[in-house]
Amino acid sequence: MTAKVKEKYEKMIDEGLTPVRRIGKPEDIGKCVASIAKGDFDFCTGTVIDCDGGFNVRCL
């Protein structure tokens, strides 16, 4: 999905675009999905869970 822009984003991530300085892996999504499926978030309702390495956090 990101093959055409991978190099560009890797450079931006290395320069601090995201707090987690790497591109996400399928396992990262799998961990989030597994936690939801196990019911680990049983007190959360209507919540968006961002699994993006902090991409939505522009500055801390």
Protein backbone atom coordinates (compact mmCIF):
# COMPACT_ATOMS: atom_id res chain seq x y z
CA MET A 1 0.00 0.00 0.00
CA THR A 2 2.84 2.41 0.73
CA ALA A 3 5.50 1.07 -1.65
CA LYS A 4 5.56 4.24 -3.77
CA VAL A 5 6.09 6.55 -0.78
CA LYS A 6 7.90 4.24 1.63
CA GLU A 7 11.30 5.89 1.23
CA LYS A 8 9.81 9.36 1.68
CA TYR A 9 7.99 8.39 4.88
CA GLU A 10 10.92 6.43 6.30
CA LYS A 11 13.00 9.60 6.01
CA MET A 12 10.28 11.70 7.64
CA ILE A 13 9.86 9.18 10.46
CA ASP A 14 13.64 9.10 11.01
CA GLU A 15 13.51 12.90 11.29
CA GLY A 16 10.84 12.77 14.01
CA LEU A 17 7.47 12.72 12.24
CA THR A 18 6.20 10.20 14.80
CA PRO A 19 7.18 9.46 18.41
CA VAL A 20 7.67 5.78 17.51
CA ARG A 21 10.41 6.01 14.94
CA ARG A 22 9.58 3.13 12.64
CA ILE A 23 7.00 2.06 10.09
CA GLY A 24 4.21 -0.08 11.47
CA LYS A 25 4.19 -3.82 11.01
CA PRO A 26 1.22 -6.16 10.52
CA GLU A 27 1.93 -7.48 14.02
CA ASP A 28 1.26 -4.01 15.44
CA ILE A 29 -2.28 -4.06 14.05
CA GLY A 30 -2.68 -7.68 15.11
CA LYS A 31 -1.87 -6.80 18.72
CA CYS A 32 -4.52 -4.08 18.75
CA VAL A 33 -7.12 -6.37 17.19
CA ALA A 34 -6.26 -9.19 19.60
CA SER A 35 -6.65 -6.87 22.59
CA ILE A 36 -10.06 -5.77 21.39
CA ALA A 37 -11.11 -9.36 20.69
CA LYS A 38 -9.97 -10.48 24.17
CA GLY A 39 -12.06 -7.74 25.75
CA ASP A 40 -9.11 -5.83 27.18
CA PHE A 41 -10.99 -2.57 26.60
CA ASP A 42 -14.25 -3.56 28.26
CA PHE A 43 -14.75 -0.11 29.80
CA CYS A 44 -14.28 1.74 26.49
CA THR A 45 -17.27 2.67 24.37
CA GLY A 46 -17.28 4.47 21.05
CA THR A 47 -13.53 4.95 21.16
CA VAL A 48 -11.20 5.26 18.20
CA ILE A 49 -8.01 3.34 18.87
CA ASP A 50 -5.17 4.85 16.89
CA CYS A 51 -2.61 2.21 16.04
CA ASP A 52 -0.26 4.49 14.13
CA GLY A 53 2.94 4.93 16.14
CA GLY A 54 1.82 8.38 17.21
CA PHE A 55 1.27 9.73 13.69
CA ASN A 56 -1.82 11.60 14.88
CA VAL A 57 0.26 13.32 17.60
CA ARG A 58 1.87 16.19 15.70
CA CYS A 59 3.88 17.54 18.60
CA LEU A 60 4.22 16.65 22.24
